[in-house]
Structures are given as structure tokens and as C-alpha cells.
Amino acid sequence: MYIALYLTLKGNYYIDSMRLFIILIYSISLIQFVQCQSPWDKEKIEVKKNQENNTIISAKSIFSEGWSELPQTIFWKKIMKLSEDSVLINIASSRTIIKKIKKTEWNNQPEGKKEDFKDSIREIYGLDKNEKIYCTSGKKNFYRFDIIYPYISRGIESFEKFNVDPWYSQSILLIESPGQLTKSKSGAYGVFQLMPKVARDQGLTVNQDIDERSDFERSAYAASQLLKKTCIPQAKKILDSKKIKYKEDDIWFRLFVLHIYHAGAKNVAAVFNKIDPKKGGQYLIQEMWQNTAANFKNNSQNYTQVALAAQIILDEYIHSNYDYILDCVSMDNN
């Protein structure tokens, strides 16, 4: 009798446990189904740390397509993790790193000695006498990924709501004004660094009393609309002019759009026409890094290099600060 009672209780416990397990699995799948219903699901990952869940766009394509191995990407990754008291001496065109030294050590050198050192680099590497040699300071204090990280999910959600690729939101948040409400010399402001006129054109109030660029949601809306109505259409127009094929989720196409977001369509068109490309892809972006035209100059060239480096650093950050990571896949693909 006792044995029968024990087996009955054990059986009921087993059934209840199985029911609980099935409900738990179903709940997790349902949560994924609710959260993951957009065209960009295949690139999204859910990152959990303690009680906090964040949605991030994966950097998988950046690694698989070899963007992470480019010297420019490697260079900016080092700069973004380097303290401001140090500098990297580098060849401007390739971003090949020659030497790391303390900023004070470099600044204390007489100008003549600095030029002699640069000339020696040109000679050793067989460079043209006009090749620029840069001394670039570390920017670790500016690129505060720990501060901007909680905002990335909000940006992704906002962009998806307005049917704009959230990859742009993540990239812009990482590199423009990470975790800071700073105003640039040109007047750009907010986490998406919008110019006053651009913000007003997208419906934001910007005057002496009110500046909606400081509001995250309003700023995200304006940035998404700028991309949707201007940057992406202009990118397509420029590429179509030379019958260059593209897909909107290609990394190189996204970088091309980012250049327009930063430098403007006219300046991007100018450097594009100077290059006169016959194809797109990584080749085109690298050519843009090597050429200037109109106001597409050094800062414009750097913009997408920094974007790539930032995405890689974010990937490292989440993989060193998480409890678990899930691919964001809808029920239809299970």
C-alpha cells in the first residue's frame, strides 16, 4: 500500500514537473515570438545580465565578411580603448600603427624632431614624401560603452517602430555622442547629433527655450526619419546612377548610408563620382577611405571606420558581461 502510494505521488510529481517544464519552454518561445517580429529578427540577439534584458544587433556579419580584420578597423578599436594620455603614431592612408607613446613625450619633442621622425617612417615604409603621418590620441574617455549600452535597446525599438533598420540606431548611438548630451562645434546636439535645421525639418522643436534633440525618443524619431526619407533614398539614387547592385542589409550598403548621414549626399556623391566604381561591396567603402572630394575629407573617411570598430567593441562588451545570449528567432523559424 505504501509503495503504491509512493509511486502514485512520485508519478504525479513527475507529471507536474513535466507540465511546468513545458509551460516554461512555451513561455520562453512566446516571449521570443512577441519580441521578434520584424524584418531584422535574424540579426537581433537578446542579452540577459542579472534582471536586465537588452536587444542588440549582432556583429556576426562584420566578422564573417572580414571587416574586423581591416587595419582601419583594428586601428580605431585600439584608439577607442586607449587612454587619453597615450597616442598612436600611424600612417594616415592605411592606419598602420608605427608606435605607441605617451602624449607628453610626443608633445615635448621639438617640431623639427617630430618631422624628422615622420620622414624616417616614410623612408622605411617606402612612402611618398606627401604621405601624412598622424599622431592620434586615445579616446577611451569619450567612447563610454558602459553608459550608452542601456540606450541601445530603446533606439532599436524606436527605429523598428518607424520601420527603419535598427542597425543604424545602434551604430549612431555608439559613435556620435555616447552617453553624453554634447554639442559639437558645428551645432549638432543630442545622442544622434542632429543639426538644428535637420531636427526642425523632421518636426522637432529647436529654439532658445526648447531643444527636443535632448529628448531621446524625439531625437530617435528625427534620426530615423532623416535616414528613411533622405539618407537611404539618396544612397540608392547614387548607386543606381552607376547601376551598382546592393541589398539594404549589406554591411557595405549600411556604411554607405552612414556616410550620407554624416557628410551629406552631395559630398558622398562627389567622392563616389571621383572613384567612379564599377561595383559595390567592401571595395567601394575602402576606396572612399582613400579618396577625398568636396567636403568629404578625413573626418568623413573615419566615420564608418569608427562605426565598425564600435560594433566590434560592443560585441566584446556583451560577451564579457552577460548571463546568457539568445538569438532572436520567431516561432515561424523554430
Protein backbone atom coordinates (compact mmCIF):
# COMPACT_ATOMS: atom_id res chain seq x y z
CA MET A 1 0.00 0.00 0.00
CA TYR A 2 2.75 2.44 0.95
CA ILE A 3 4.70 1.52 -2.15
CA ALA A 4 1.64 2.13 -4.34
CA LEU A 5 1.01 5.50 -2.64
CA TYR A 6 4.67 6.45 -3.11
CA LEU A 7 4.59 5.54 -6.80
CA THR A 8 1.35 7.49 -7.26
CA LEU A 9 2.78 10.60 -5.57
CA LYS A 10 6.04 10.25 -7.48
CA GLY A 11 4.11 9.86 -10.73
CA ASN A 12 2.02 12.96 -10.01
CA TYR A 13 5.17 14.92 -9.13
CA TYR A 14 6.77 13.81 -12.40
CA ILE A 15 3.70 14.85 -14.40
CA ASP A 16 3.52 18.23 -12.64
CA SER A 17 7.23 18.79 -13.24
CA MET A 18 6.84 17.96 -16.92
CA ARG A 19 3.86 20.31 -17.18
CA LEU A 20 5.88 23.08 -15.54
CA PHE A 21 8.81 22.43 -17.90
CA ILE A 22 6.55 22.52 -20.97
CA ILE A 23 4.90 25.75 -19.77
CA LEU A 24 8.34 27.30 -19.17
CA ILE A 25 9.58 26.36 -22.67
CA TYR A 26 6.35 27.63 -24.22
CA SER A 27 6.62 30.89 -22.28
CA ILE A 28 10.19 31.48 -23.45
CA SER A 29 9.17 30.75 -27.04
CA LEU A 30 6.16 33.05 -26.69
CA ILE A 31 8.35 35.85 -25.33
CA GLN A 32 10.68 35.41 -28.30
CA PHE A 33 7.72 35.39 -30.67
CA VAL A 34 6.36 38.63 -29.20
CA GLN A 35 9.72 40.38 -29.17
CA CYS A 36 10.96 39.11 -32.54
CA GLN A 37 8.54 40.07 -35.27
CA SER A 38 10.42 42.43 -37.59
CA PRO A 39 12.44 42.19 -40.83
CA TRP A 40 15.65 42.40 -38.77
CA ASP A 41 14.96 39.45 -36.45
CA LYS A 42 17.73 37.30 -37.93
CA GLU A 43 20.32 39.84 -36.77
CA LYS A 44 18.95 40.51 -33.30
CA ILE A 45 20.17 38.88 -30.11
CA GLU A 46 18.72 39.05 -26.61
CA VAL A 47 21.33 39.66 -23.92
CA LYS A 48 20.49 38.95 -20.27
CA LYS A 49 22.54 40.18 -17.32
CA ASN A 50 21.02 39.71 -13.85
CA GLN A 51 17.45 41.02 -14.19
CA GLU A 52 18.18 43.17 -17.24
CA ASN A 53 17.32 42.15 -20.81
CA ASN A 54 18.66 44.06 -23.82
CA THR A 55 18.17 43.65 -27.55
CA ILE A 56 21.31 44.11 -29.63
CA ILE A 57 22.05 43.83 -33.35
CA SER A 58 24.64 41.11 -33.84
CA ALA A 59 28.08 41.88 -35.30
CA LYS A 60 28.26 38.44 -36.91
CA SER A 61 28.33 39.77 -40.49
CA ILE A 62 31.11 42.22 -39.65
CA PHE A 63 33.27 39.29 -38.56
CA SER A 64 32.25 36.82 -41.29
CA GLU A 65 32.84 39.34 -44.10
CA GLY A 66 36.29 40.29 -42.81
CA TRP A 67 35.55 43.90 -41.83
CA SER A 68 37.04 43.23 -38.40
CA GLU A 69 40.43 42.36 -39.95
CA LEU A 70 40.89 45.62 -41.86
CA PRO A 71 43.75 47.77 -40.49
CA GLN A 72 41.47 50.81 -40.20
CA THR A 73 39.01 48.89 -38.03
CA ILE A 74 41.81 47.50 -35.87
CA PHE A 75 43.33 50.96 -35.51
CA TRP A 76 40.13 52.65 -34.33
CA LYS A 77 39.35 49.80 -31.98
CA LYS A 78 42.72 50.44 -30.30
CA ILE A 79 42.12 54.21 -30.20
CA MET A 80 38.67 53.78 -28.64
CA LYS A 81 40.16 51.63 -25.88
CA LEU A 82 43.27 53.77 -25.39
CA SER A 83 43.52 56.31 -22.57
CA GLU A 84 43.85 59.98 -23.50
CA ASP A 85 47.38 60.23 -22.11
CA SER A 86 48.68 57.98 -24.88
CA VAL A 87 48.95 58.38 -28.66
CA LEU A 88 49.43 56.08 -31.66
CA ILE A 89 51.80 57.21 -34.40
CA ASN A 90 50.25 55.89 -37.63
CA ILE A 91 50.30 56.08 -41.42
CA ALA A 92 47.19 58.05 -42.37
CA SER A 93 46.19 56.22 -45.56
CA SER A 94 46.38 52.70 -44.14
CA ARG A 95 46.18 53.42 -40.40
CA THR A 96 49.19 51.18 -39.93
CA ILE A 97 50.35 51.65 -36.33
CA ILE A 98 54.03 52.56 -36.03
CA LYS A 99 54.42 53.28 -32.35
CA LYS A 100 52.54 53.90 -29.11
CA ILE A 101 53.93 56.62 -26.84
CA LYS A 102 52.83 58.92 -24.04
CA LYS A 103 51.22 62.13 -25.26
CA THR A 104 53.52 64.25 -23.09
CA GLU A 105 56.57 62.56 -24.59
CA TRP A 106 55.37 63.40 -28.11
CA ASN A 107 54.27 66.93 -27.27
CA ASN A 108 57.62 67.73 -25.62
CA GLN A 109 59.52 66.89 -28.80
CA PRO A 110 60.69 69.91 -30.88
CA GLU A 111 58.75 70.29 -34.13
CA GLY A 112 61.89 69.63 -36.14
CA LYS A 113 62.47 66.32 -34.39
CA LYS A 114 58.83 65.32 -34.99
CA GLU A 115 59.21 65.98 -38.72
CA ASP A 116 62.48 64.05 -38.84
CA PHE A 117 60.74 61.10 -37.21
CA LYS A 118 57.89 61.25 -39.73
CA ASP A 119 60.38 61.43 -42.62
CA SER A 120 62.13 58.34 -41.29
CA ILE A 121 58.80 56.47 -41.30
CA ARG A 122 58.19 57.47 -44.93
CA GLU A 123 61.65 56.25 -45.88
CA ILE A 124 61.42 52.93 -44.03
CA TYR A 125 57.97 52.13 -45.45
CA GLY A 126 58.73 53.43 -48.95
CA LEU A 127 56.04 56.10 -48.77
CA ASP A 128 55.58 59.21 -50.86
CA LYS A 129 57.02 62.35 -49.30
CA ASN A 130 53.50 63.80 -49.08
CA GLU A 131 52.09 60.79 -47.21
CA LYS A 132 50.60 62.02 -43.95
CA ILE A 133 51.79 60.60 -40.64
CA TYR A 134 49.29 61.12 -37.82
CA CYS A 135 49.64 61.21 -34.07
CA THR A 136 46.21 60.14 -32.78
CA SER A 137 45.22 60.45 -29.11
CA GLY A 138 43.35 57.76 -27.22
CA LYS A 139 39.60 58.31 -26.87
CA LYS A 140 38.65 55.87 -24.13
CA ASN A 141 37.06 58.60 -22.02
CA PHE A 142 34.77 59.63 -24.88
CA TYR A 143 33.58 56.23 -26.04
CA ARG A 144 31.80 55.10 -22.88
CA PHE A 145 30.06 51.92 -23.99
CA ASP A 146 29.02 51.12 -20.43
CA ILE A 147 26.99 54.34 -20.35
CA ILE A 148 25.36 54.12 -23.78
CA TYR A 149 24.66 50.36 -23.60
CA PRO A 150 21.27 50.64 -21.81
CA TYR A 151 20.05 53.05 -24.51
CA ILE A 152 20.72 50.72 -27.44
CA SER A 153 17.58 48.62 -26.91
CA ARG A 154 15.48 51.79 -26.76
CA GLY A 155 16.99 53.00 -30.01
CA ILE A 156 16.39 49.67 -31.73
CA GLU A 157 12.78 49.64 -30.56
CA SER A 158 12.22 53.22 -31.73
CA PHE A 159 13.69 52.63 -35.18
CA GLU A 160 11.70 49.42 -35.67
CA LYS A 161 8.54 51.26 -34.69
CA PHE A 162 9.17 53.67 -37.58
CA ASN A 163 10.18 50.81 -39.92
CA VAL A 164 13.82 51.88 -40.18
CA ASP A 165 16.75 49.46 -39.99
CA PRO A 166 17.79 49.46 -36.29
CA TRP A 167 21.42 48.74 -37.24
CA TYR A 168 21.71 52.47 -37.92
CA SER A 169 20.41 53.39 -34.49
CA GLN A 170 22.92 51.11 -32.79
CA SER A 171 25.83 52.44 -34.88
CA ILE A 172 24.98 56.11 -34.43
CA LEU A 173 24.42 55.77 -30.68
CA LEU A 174 27.78 54.05 -30.30
CA ILE A 175 29.84 56.67 -32.09
CA GLU A 176 28.14 60.07 -32.18
CA SER A 177 27.78 61.23 -28.59
CA PRO A 178 27.97 58.06 -26.50
CA GLY A 179 26.28 58.62 -23.18
CA GLN A 180 26.72 62.38 -23.38
CA LEU A 181 24.49 65.28 -24.39
CA THR A 182 27.29 67.25 -26.01
CA LYS A 183 27.05 69.94 -28.67
CA SER A 184 29.58 69.84 -31.49
CA LYS A 185 31.38 72.88 -32.88
CA SER A 186 29.03 72.79 -35.87
CA GLY A 187 25.94 72.83 -33.62
CA ALA A 188 24.96 69.15 -33.75
CA TYR A 189 23.38 68.03 -30.48
CA GLY A 190 21.88 65.05 -28.69
CA VAL A 191 22.69 61.34 -28.78
CA PHE A 192 22.04 61.27 -32.54
CA GLN A 193 24.00 64.52 -33.12
CA LEU A 194 21.38 66.30 -35.22
CA MET A 195 21.92 69.76 -36.67
CA PRO A 196 19.24 72.35 -35.73
CA LYS A 197 17.80 72.65 -39.26
CA VAL A 198 17.79 68.90 -39.79
CA ALA A 199 15.94 68.40 -36.50
CA ARG A 200 13.38 71.07 -37.39
CA ASP A 201 12.88 69.54 -40.84
CA GLN A 202 11.90 66.30 -39.11
CA GLY A 203 9.37 68.03 -36.86
CA LEU A 204 11.40 68.72 -33.72
CA THR A 205 11.21 71.98 -31.80
CA VAL A 206 14.59 73.68 -31.58
CA ASN A 207 14.70 77.26 -30.30
CA GLN A 208 16.10 79.30 -27.42
CA ASP A 209 13.63 77.83 -24.93
CA ILE A 210 13.12 74.25 -26.11
CA ASP A 211 15.50 71.82 -27.77
CA GLU A 212 13.86 68.45 -28.35
CA ARG A 213 17.16 66.99 -29.50
CA SER A 214 17.86 66.40 -25.81
CA ASP A 215 14.82 64.09 -25.62
CA PHE A 216 15.83 60.54 -26.56
CA GLU A 217 12.56 59.46 -28.15
CA ARG A 218 12.10 62.65 -30.17
CA SER A 219 15.72 62.60 -31.25
CA ALA A 220 15.43 58.93 -32.28
CA TYR A 221 12.32 59.77 -34.30
CA ALA A 222 14.09 62.60 -36.13
CA ALA A 223 17.16 60.47 -36.87
CA SER A 224 15.04 57.59 -38.16
CA GLN A 225 13.08 59.91 -40.44
CA LEU A 226 16.25 61.53 -41.77
CA LEU A 227 17.54 58.08 -42.69
CA LYS A 228 14.22 56.90 -44.07
CA LYS A 229 13.34 59.98 -46.15
CA THR A 230 16.77 61.24 -47.17
CA CYS A 231 19.85 59.12 -46.47
CA ILE A 232 18.65 55.71 -47.69
CA PRO A 233 16.84 57.06 -50.81
CA GLN A 234 19.88 59.19 -51.69
CA ALA A 235 22.20 56.20 -51.25
CA LYS A 236 20.06 54.19 -53.66
CA LYS A 237 19.98 57.07 -56.15
CA ILE A 238 23.77 57.45 -56.13
CA LEU A 239 24.38 53.71 -56.52
CA ASP A 240 21.68 53.36 -59.17
CA SER A 241 23.37 56.09 -61.22
CA LYS A 242 26.16 53.59 -61.99
CA LYS A 243 23.92 50.51 -61.89
CA ILE A 244 25.64 49.13 -58.81
CA LYS A 245 23.74 46.26 -57.22
CA TYR A 246 23.06 46.24 -53.49
CA LYS A 247 20.91 44.81 -50.73
CA GLU A 248 19.73 47.07 -47.95
CA ASP A 249 21.02 44.75 -45.24
CA ASP A 250 24.52 44.52 -46.75
CA ILE A 251 27.09 45.91 -44.32
CA TRP A 252 28.74 47.94 -47.09
CA PHE A 253 25.39 49.50 -48.10
CA ARG A 254 24.69 50.44 -44.49
CA LEU A 255 28.14 52.03 -44.22
CA PHE A 256 27.47 53.95 -47.43
CA VAL A 257 24.24 55.28 -45.89
CA LEU A 258 26.11 56.23 -42.70
CA HIS A 259 28.49 58.32 -44.79
CA ILE A 260 25.49 60.24 -46.13
CA TYR A 261 24.12 60.67 -42.60
CA HIS A 262 27.42 62.21 -41.56
CA ALA A 263 28.72 64.05 -44.64
CA GLY A 264 25.57 64.68 -46.68
CA ALA A 265 24.50 63.24 -50.03
CA LYS A 266 26.28 65.86 -52.18
CA ASN A 267 29.66 65.21 -50.58
CA VAL A 268 29.23 61.44 -50.79
CA ALA A 269 28.16 61.75 -54.44
CA ALA A 270 31.28 63.83 -55.11
CA VAL A 271 33.70 61.23 -53.76
CA PHE A 272 31.66 58.43 -55.36
CA ASN A 273 31.93 60.05 -58.79
CA LYS A 274 35.64 60.64 -58.29
CA ILE A 275 36.14 56.93 -57.57
CA ASP A 276 33.84 56.00 -60.48
CA PRO A 277 33.27 52.47 -59.13
CA LYS A 278 32.07 49.55 -61.22
CA LYS A 279 30.93 47.55 -58.20
CA GLY A 280 29.94 47.98 -54.58
CA GLY A 281 30.99 45.90 -51.61
CA GLN A 282 33.96 46.31 -49.32
CA TYR A 283 35.98 47.62 -52.27
CA LEU A 284 33.83 50.75 -52.58
CA ILE A 285 33.97 51.60 -48.88
CA GLN A 286 37.75 51.16 -48.79
CA GLU A 287 38.08 53.42 -51.83
CA MET A 288 36.03 56.05 -50.00
CA TRP A 289 38.51 55.80 -47.13
CA GLN A 290 41.33 56.65 -49.55
CA ASN A 291 39.73 59.48 -51.51
CA THR A 292 38.51 63.00 -50.80
CA ALA A 293 36.18 65.28 -52.74
CA ALA A 294 34.21 68.44 -51.92
CA ASN A 295 33.77 68.32 -48.11
CA PHE A 296 34.23 64.57 -47.90
CA LYS A 297 37.57 64.63 -46.08
CA ASN A 298 39.40 62.96 -43.21
CA ASN A 299 36.56 63.07 -40.65
CA SER A 300 34.16 61.68 -43.24
CA GLN A 301 36.56 58.86 -44.10
CA ASN A 302 36.93 57.99 -40.42
CA TYR A 303 33.20 57.84 -39.73
CA THR A 304 32.49 54.31 -40.92
CA GLN A 305 35.85 53.03 -39.69
CA VAL A 306 34.82 54.13 -36.20
CA ALA A 307 31.36 52.58 -36.69
CA LEU A 308 32.87 49.19 -37.47
CA ALA A 309 35.26 49.36 -34.52
CA ALA A 310 32.43 50.37 -32.18
CA GLN A 311 30.28 47.41 -33.25
CA ILE A 312 33.17 45.04 -32.52
CA ILE A 313 33.85 46.56 -29.11
CA LEU A 314 30.13 46.26 -28.28
CA ASP A 315 30.27 42.59 -29.25
CA GLU A 316 33.21 42.07 -26.90
CA TYR A 317 31.44 44.02 -24.16
CA ILE A 318 28.27 41.92 -24.19
CA HIS A 319 30.20 38.64 -24.37
CA SER A 320 32.17 39.58 -21.26
CA ASN A 321 29.17 40.98 -19.35
CA TYR A 322 26.24 38.59 -19.72
CA ASP A 323 24.47 35.62 -18.14
CA TYR A 324 23.22 34.24 -21.46
CA ILE A 325 22.64 35.34 -25.05
CA LEU A 326 19.78 34.15 -27.26
CA ASP A 327 19.34 34.56 -30.99
CA CYS A 328 16.13 36.44 -31.65
CA VAL A 329 14.23 33.97 -33.83
CA SER A 330 10.47 33.98 -34.40
CA MET A 331 8.23 30.97 -33.89
CA ASP A 332 7.91 30.61 -37.67
CA ASN A 333 11.57 29.60 -37.89
CA ASN A 334 11.54 27.16 -34.97
